[in-house]
Amino acid sequence: MTTPRLLSCVVITALALCACTAGEREPAAGPPATGGTASSPGTPAPVALTADAYRSELDKARGPVRDALRKLAAADGPKSLDGRLERASTTVNDAVTRLAELTPPAEVRAGHDAYLTALRRFAAAFDTARQEAQNQEVCTGPAVLTRMEREDELPAVREAARSLSGYPADVVPVKAAAQRTRRLPNGRYIRSESRTGRGYLELRNGNRQDAVVVLVRGKKKAVTVYVRKKSKFKVRGVRDGGYKVYYTLGDDWDSRARTFTRSCAFERFDKALRFRTTYTATQISWKNWTLTLNPVVGGNARSRKVKPGEFPA
């Protein structure tokens, strides 16, 4: 007598079919049963929106984006810039989510898809701009828009909006200015109290960027002066008192916003400067100071970075 041996087994449609080289064989499976549950019908195609309904949905989606871009254009310094960029990115992504669920009129379906693609790229551009703002490569809202214009991000979304002819799709309500590098003359006073003291402060800027220096006495911004790169200037007539000295470096000085729009940095000297006039029966004495805004060998005045909001603009 031989003993059955099971060598291999393959499962097909829940029926075990085993091939054996010896012993008894499994009976062959019969033909499949007829009948059964019928397959469910397919989902009906979505009904396209009417022109008026689609126009209304576009307007609802783009409204918050346009408002966010207006606020971004009004961001006149790095303090508020990151939050407004985050808001712009969020509102563009919200618009994409809303519009992606729509079925537009058949005649603009291709334009609708291209518009969504442009908006997705636009949202990604704001994420990039946020990183640049956090690195202080761009320092104002208008500077962000200028960079987006130069890198074809604003023109691309405008072009996509125009492809939806007859529908309100433009999400850019502001105009980006051309890139500029505005500078003041060396030694130009941006702000100054009456300078009736005897001492002077010499400022030396050996950096590759222009600087604006602010002297703060107590809580008062006593003097703000512009010092160009590779230049020096003497602030004469500094009144007696202790002064904290702040300075900012950068490119493209925006006089209205009182900040550099690109590559901005903010610093403060650790040690306050004391100006004091001494009178005796035979003489008057006072002390002058010299500050170098760039590192020098043997320098004894240390500075540290401060947040934009701590800078006395």
Protein backbone atom coordinates (compact mmCIF):
# COMPACT_ATOMS: atom_id res chain seq x y z
CA MET A 1 0.00 0.00 0.00
CA THR A 2 1.20 3.45 -0.84
CA THR A 3 0.67 6.48 1.42
CA PRO A 4 -0.75 9.62 -0.22
CA ARG A 5 1.75 12.50 -0.39
CA LEU A 6 0.77 16.20 -0.83
CA LEU A 7 3.48 17.99 -2.82
CA SER A 8 2.11 21.47 -3.67
CA CYS A 9 -1.07 23.47 -3.42
CA VAL A 10 -2.27 26.59 -5.27
CA VAL A 11 -5.31 28.65 -4.18
CA ILE A 12 -7.45 29.94 -7.04
CA THR A 13 -10.82 31.66 -6.49
CA ALA A 14 -11.08 30.18 -3.01
CA LEU A 15 -10.89 26.58 -4.31
CA ALA A 16 -7.86 24.55 -3.18
CA LEU A 17 -6.41 22.70 -6.16
CA CYS A 18 -3.66 20.31 -5.16
CA ALA A 19 -1.37 18.37 -7.47
CA CYS A 20 -0.30 15.06 -6.01
CA THR A 21 2.21 12.57 -7.38
CA ALA A 22 0.79 9.68 -5.46
CA GLY A 23 -2.36 8.67 -3.61
CA GLU A 24 -5.91 9.82 -4.07
CA ARG A 25 -6.90 12.75 -6.32
CA GLU A 26 -9.25 15.59 -5.41
CA PRO A 27 -12.41 15.67 -7.51
CA ALA A 28 -12.34 18.28 -10.28
CA ALA A 29 -14.21 21.48 -9.56
CA GLY A 30 -17.51 21.80 -11.36
CA PRO A 31 -18.44 24.66 -13.62
CA PRO A 32 -19.05 27.98 -11.91
CA ALA A 33 -22.53 28.64 -10.70
CA THR A 34 -24.72 30.84 -12.79
CA GLY A 35 -26.51 33.93 -11.54
CA GLY A 36 -25.15 36.00 -8.58
CA THR A 37 -25.27 39.68 -7.65
CA ALA A 38 -25.20 42.11 -10.54
CA SER A 39 -22.44 44.78 -10.54
CA SER A 40 -23.50 48.23 -9.22
CA PRO A 41 -24.10 50.86 -11.87
CA GLY A 42 -21.35 53.48 -12.41
CA THR A 43 -21.47 56.89 -10.75
CA PRO A 44 -23.30 59.34 -13.00
CA ALA A 45 -21.18 62.10 -14.53
CA PRO A 46 -21.35 65.37 -12.53
CA VAL A 47 -23.50 68.08 -13.98
CA ALA A 48 -21.55 71.12 -15.17
CA LEU A 49 -22.25 74.45 -13.53
CA THR A 50 -24.08 77.12 -15.41
CA ALA A 51 -22.05 80.13 -16.47
CA ASP A 52 -23.58 82.29 -13.71
CA ALA A 53 -22.98 79.67 -11.01
CA TYR A 54 -19.38 79.16 -12.11
CA ARG A 55 -18.79 82.92 -12.17
CA SER A 56 -20.13 83.17 -8.62
CA GLU A 57 -17.88 80.34 -7.38
CA LEU A 58 -14.81 81.91 -8.98
CA ASP A 59 -15.56 85.20 -7.29
CA LYS A 60 -15.95 83.55 -3.88
CA ALA A 61 -12.64 81.72 -4.27
CA ARG A 62 -10.55 84.65 -5.46
CA GLY A 63 -11.93 87.29 -3.08
CA PRO A 64 -9.89 86.20 -0.01
CA VAL A 65 -6.77 85.84 -2.19
CA ARG A 66 -7.05 89.38 -3.50
CA ASP A 67 -7.54 90.68 0.04
CA ALA A 68 -4.47 88.76 1.28
CA LEU A 69 -2.34 90.20 -1.54
CA ARG A 70 -3.45 93.75 -0.76
CA LYS A 71 -2.36 93.24 2.84
CA LEU A 72 0.92 91.72 1.67
CA ALA A 73 1.58 94.78 -0.50
CA ALA A 74 1.10 96.94 2.61
CA ALA A 75 3.67 94.99 4.67
CA ASP A 76 6.28 97.72 5.06
CA GLY A 77 8.84 95.77 7.06
CA PRO A 78 10.02 92.31 8.07
CA LYS A 79 8.10 92.37 11.36
CA SER A 80 4.72 91.71 9.73
CA LEU A 81 5.93 90.04 6.54
CA ASP A 82 6.03 86.38 7.56
CA GLY A 83 2.47 86.35 8.87
CA ARG A 84 1.11 87.98 5.73
CA LEU A 85 2.96 85.55 3.49
CA GLU A 86 1.55 82.64 5.48
CA ARG A 87 -1.94 84.07 5.09
CA ALA A 88 -1.46 84.49 1.33
CA SER A 89 -0.29 80.90 0.95
CA THR A 90 -3.24 79.59 2.97
CA THR A 91 -5.85 81.54 1.02
CA VAL A 92 -4.45 80.44 -2.35
CA ASN A 93 -4.50 76.80 -1.23
CA ASP A 94 -8.08 77.25 0.02
CA ALA A 95 -9.06 78.64 -3.36
CA VAL A 96 -7.51 75.64 -5.11
CA THR A 97 -9.40 73.22 -2.85
CA ARG A 98 -12.68 75.02 -3.50
CA LEU A 99 -12.26 75.26 -7.26
CA ALA A 100 -10.99 71.69 -7.68
CA GLU A 101 -14.40 70.40 -6.54
CA LEU A 102 -16.26 72.27 -9.28
CA THR A 103 -17.37 71.06 -12.68
CA PRO A 104 -17.04 74.12 -14.88
CA PRO A 105 -19.00 74.79 -18.07
CA ALA A 106 -17.72 72.55 -20.84
CA GLU A 107 -16.34 75.41 -22.92
CA VAL A 108 -13.89 76.48 -20.17
CA ARG A 109 -12.91 73.10 -18.76
CA ALA A 110 -9.40 73.22 -20.23
CA GLY A 111 -8.93 76.79 -19.03
CA HIS A 112 -10.21 75.82 -15.57
CA ASP A 113 -7.63 73.03 -15.29
CA ALA A 114 -4.83 75.36 -16.40
CA TYR A 115 -6.01 77.95 -13.88
CA LEU A 116 -5.86 75.40 -11.06
CA THR A 117 -2.34 74.42 -12.08
CA ALA A 118 -1.26 78.06 -12.04
CA LEU A 119 -2.81 78.62 -8.60
CA ARG A 120 -1.01 75.57 -7.17
CA ARG A 121 2.30 76.94 -8.42
CA PHE A 122 1.35 80.34 -7.02
CA ALA A 123 0.80 78.83 -3.57
CA ALA A 124 4.21 77.13 -3.75
CA ALA A 125 5.77 80.49 -4.67
CA PHE A 126 4.51 81.95 -1.40
CA ASP A 127 6.08 79.10 0.53
CA THR A 128 9.41 79.93 -1.13
CA ALA A 129 8.90 83.62 -0.38
CA ARG A 130 8.30 82.80 3.30
CA GLN A 131 11.64 81.08 3.49
CA GLU A 132 13.34 84.05 1.82
CA ALA A 133 11.63 86.42 4.24
CA GLN A 134 12.70 84.37 7.26
CA ASN A 135 16.26 84.53 5.93
CA GLN A 136 15.76 88.32 5.46
CA GLU A 137 16.59 88.10 1.78
CA VAL A 138 13.40 90.06 1.15
CA CYS A 139 12.17 92.44 3.84
CA THR A 140 8.92 94.07 2.67
CA GLY A 141 5.74 92.97 0.92
CA PRO A 142 6.41 95.06 -2.19
CA ALA A 143 9.87 93.47 -2.45
CA VAL A 144 8.24 90.01 -2.43
CA LEU A 145 5.87 91.02 -5.22
CA THR A 146 8.73 92.51 -7.23
CA ARG A 147 10.64 89.25 -6.98
CA MET A 148 7.54 87.25 -7.99
CA GLU A 149 7.12 89.50 -11.01
CA ARG A 150 10.76 89.04 -12.03
CA GLU A 151 10.51 85.26 -11.66
CA ASP A 152 7.33 85.12 -13.80
CA GLU A 153 5.11 83.91 -10.94
CA LEU A 154 2.68 86.84 -11.07
CA PRO A 155 2.54 86.94 -14.89
CA ALA A 156 1.82 83.19 -15.02
CA VAL A 157 -1.23 83.40 -12.77
CA ARG A 158 -2.49 86.49 -14.61
CA GLU A 159 -2.18 84.68 -17.95
CA ALA A 160 -4.09 81.68 -16.60
CA ALA A 161 -6.86 84.00 -15.37
CA ARG A 162 -7.13 85.62 -18.81
CA SER A 163 -7.69 82.20 -20.37
CA LEU A 164 -11.04 82.08 -18.53
CA SER A 165 -12.44 84.76 -20.80
CA GLY A 166 -15.64 86.30 -19.50
CA TYR A 167 -15.14 85.10 -15.92
CA PRO A 168 -13.69 86.99 -12.90
CA ALA A 169 -10.53 85.02 -12.26
CA ASP A 170 -7.69 87.50 -11.70
CA VAL A 171 -6.35 87.12 -8.15
CA VAL A 172 -3.64 89.82 -8.32
CA PRO A 173 -5.14 93.24 -7.46
CA VAL A 174 -1.83 95.07 -7.01
CA LYS A 175 0.98 96.06 -9.34
CA ALA A 176 4.54 95.02 -8.61
CA ALA A 177 7.19 97.70 -9.00
CA ALA A 178 10.38 97.14 -10.94
CA GLN A 179 13.38 96.18 -8.81
CA ARG A 180 15.27 99.23 -7.59
CA THR A 181 18.32 100.01 -5.49
CA ARG A 182 17.46 103.31 -3.80
CA ARG A 183 20.12 105.04 -1.71
CA LEU A 184 20.44 108.23 0.26
CA PRO A 185 23.53 110.45 0.14
CA ASN A 186 26.24 109.60 2.63
CA GLY A 187 25.62 111.42 5.91
CA ARG A 188 21.97 112.24 5.20
CA TYR A 189 20.05 112.73 8.45
CA ILE A 190 16.80 110.81 8.42
CA ARG A 191 15.90 112.08 11.87
CA SER A 192 17.75 114.42 14.21
CA GLU A 193 17.15 116.45 17.32
CA SER A 194 19.03 119.72 17.71
CA ARG A 195 22.70 118.84 17.94
CA THR A 196 24.11 121.40 20.37
CA GLY A 197 26.70 119.26 22.14
CA ARG A 198 30.44 119.42 21.76
CA GLY A 199 31.24 115.78 21.06
CA TYR A 200 31.06 113.88 17.82
CA LEU A 201 30.53 110.25 16.86
CA GLU A 202 32.46 109.02 13.82
CA LEU A 203 30.78 106.15 12.02
CA ARG A 204 32.83 103.94 9.69
CA ASN A 205 31.01 101.52 7.41
CA GLY A 206 33.43 99.08 5.79
CA ASN A 207 30.63 96.69 4.79
CA ARG A 208 29.47 95.91 1.27
CA GLN A 209 26.05 97.32 2.06
CA ASP A 210 24.76 100.72 3.08
CA ALA A 211 23.80 101.30 6.71
CA VAL A 212 21.38 103.34 8.75
CA VAL A 213 22.52 104.11 12.30
CA VAL A 214 20.14 105.08 15.11
CA LEU A 215 21.23 106.73 18.37
CA VAL A 216 18.76 106.26 21.21
CA ARG A 217 19.02 108.34 24.38
CA GLY A 218 16.66 107.03 27.03
CA LYS A 219 13.49 106.30 25.09
CA LYS A 220 14.10 108.96 22.46
CA LYS A 221 15.42 108.30 18.97
CA ALA A 222 17.81 111.22 18.95
CA VAL A 223 19.62 110.77 15.61
CA THR A 224 19.12 108.52 12.59
CA VAL A 225 21.73 108.85 9.83
CA TYR A 226 22.54 107.13 6.54
CA VAL A 227 26.11 105.90 5.99
CA ARG A 228 26.97 104.42 2.62
CA LYS A 229 29.10 101.33 2.18
CA LYS A 230 32.87 101.87 2.29
CA SER A 231 32.26 105.34 3.73
CA LYS A 232 32.45 107.21 7.01
CA PHE A 233 30.65 110.13 8.57
CA LYS A 234 30.88 112.26 11.74
CA VAL A 235 27.72 113.02 13.67
CA ARG A 236 28.68 116.34 15.22
CA GLY A 237 27.11 118.14 18.15
CA VAL A 238 26.02 115.03 20.02
CA ARG A 239 24.35 116.16 23.22
CA ASP A 240 25.42 114.84 26.62
CA GLY A 241 23.90 111.56 27.73
CA GLY A 242 24.09 107.81 27.31
CA TYR A 243 23.25 106.40 23.89
CA LYS A 244 22.32 102.93 22.71
CA VAL A 245 23.50 102.48 19.13
CA TYR A 246 21.55 100.38 16.61
CA TYR A 247 22.22 99.92 12.91
CA THR A 248 20.67 98.14 9.97
CA LEU A 249 22.39 97.01 6.77
CA GLY A 250 20.80 96.14 3.45
CA ASP A 251 19.99 97.01 -0.15
CA ASP A 252 17.36 99.41 -1.52
CA TRP A 253 16.36 101.92 1.16
CA ASP A 254 12.61 102.58 1.27
CA SER A 255 12.32 106.04 2.82
CA ARG A 256 8.59 105.73 3.41
CA ALA A 257 8.88 102.40 5.21
CA ARG A 258 12.25 103.37 6.73
CA THR A 259 13.81 100.01 6.01
CA PHE A 260 15.95 98.25 3.43
CA THR A 261 13.79 96.07 1.22
CA ARG A 262 16.37 93.35 0.48
CA SER A 263 19.14 91.56 2.37
CA CYS A 264 18.37 93.38 5.59
CA ALA A 265 20.12 92.81 8.94
CA PHE A 266 19.63 94.47 12.31
CA GLU A 267 22.28 94.93 15.00
CA ARG A 268 22.86 96.68 18.32
CA PHE A 269 26.12 97.50 20.06
CA ASP A 270 26.29 95.92 23.50
CA LYS A 271 27.92 98.91 25.18
CA ALA A 272 26.18 102.26 25.47
CA LEU A 273 28.19 105.36 24.56
CA ARG A 274 28.45 108.10 27.18
CA PHE A 275 28.87 111.69 26.04
CA ARG A 276 29.74 114.09 28.84
CA THR A 277 31.03 117.63 28.87
CA THR A 278 33.13 118.68 31.88
CA TYR A 279 33.65 122.31 32.84
CA THR A 280 36.44 123.58 35.10
CA ALA A 281 37.67 127.07 35.86
CA THR A 282 40.23 126.88 33.09
CA GLN A 283 38.96 124.40 30.51
CA ILE A 284 36.10 122.49 28.92
CA SER A 285 36.62 118.84 28.10
CA TRP A 286 34.51 116.24 26.33
CA LYS A 287 34.89 112.83 24.74
CA ASN A 288 34.48 111.82 21.11
CA TRP A 289 33.74 108.29 19.91
CA THR A 290 34.42 106.23 16.80
CA LEU A 291 32.33 103.19 15.88
CA THR A 292 33.17 100.74 13.11
CA LEU A 293 30.14 98.89 11.73
CA ASN A 294 32.18 95.98 10.38
CA PRO A 295 34.54 93.61 12.24
CA VAL A 296 38.11 94.90 12.57
CA VAL A 297 41.27 93.47 14.10
CA GLY A 298 41.62 94.70 17.66
CA GLY A 299 38.06 96.01 17.83
CA ASN A 300 36.61 96.34 21.32
CA ALA A 301 32.96 97.15 20.57
CA ARG A 302 30.76 94.08 20.26
CA SER A 303 27.41 94.02 18.55
CA ARG A 304 24.66 91.44 18.38
CA LYS A 305 21.75 90.75 16.08
CA VAL A 306 18.31 91.94 17.14
CA LYS A 307 14.88 91.03 15.84
CA PRO A 308 13.32 93.45 13.35
CA GLY A 309 10.68 94.36 15.90
CA GLU A 310 13.36 95.46 18.36
CA PHE A 311 14.95 97.86 15.91
CA PRO A 312 13.95 101.52 16.48
CA ALA A 313 12.98 102.36 12.90
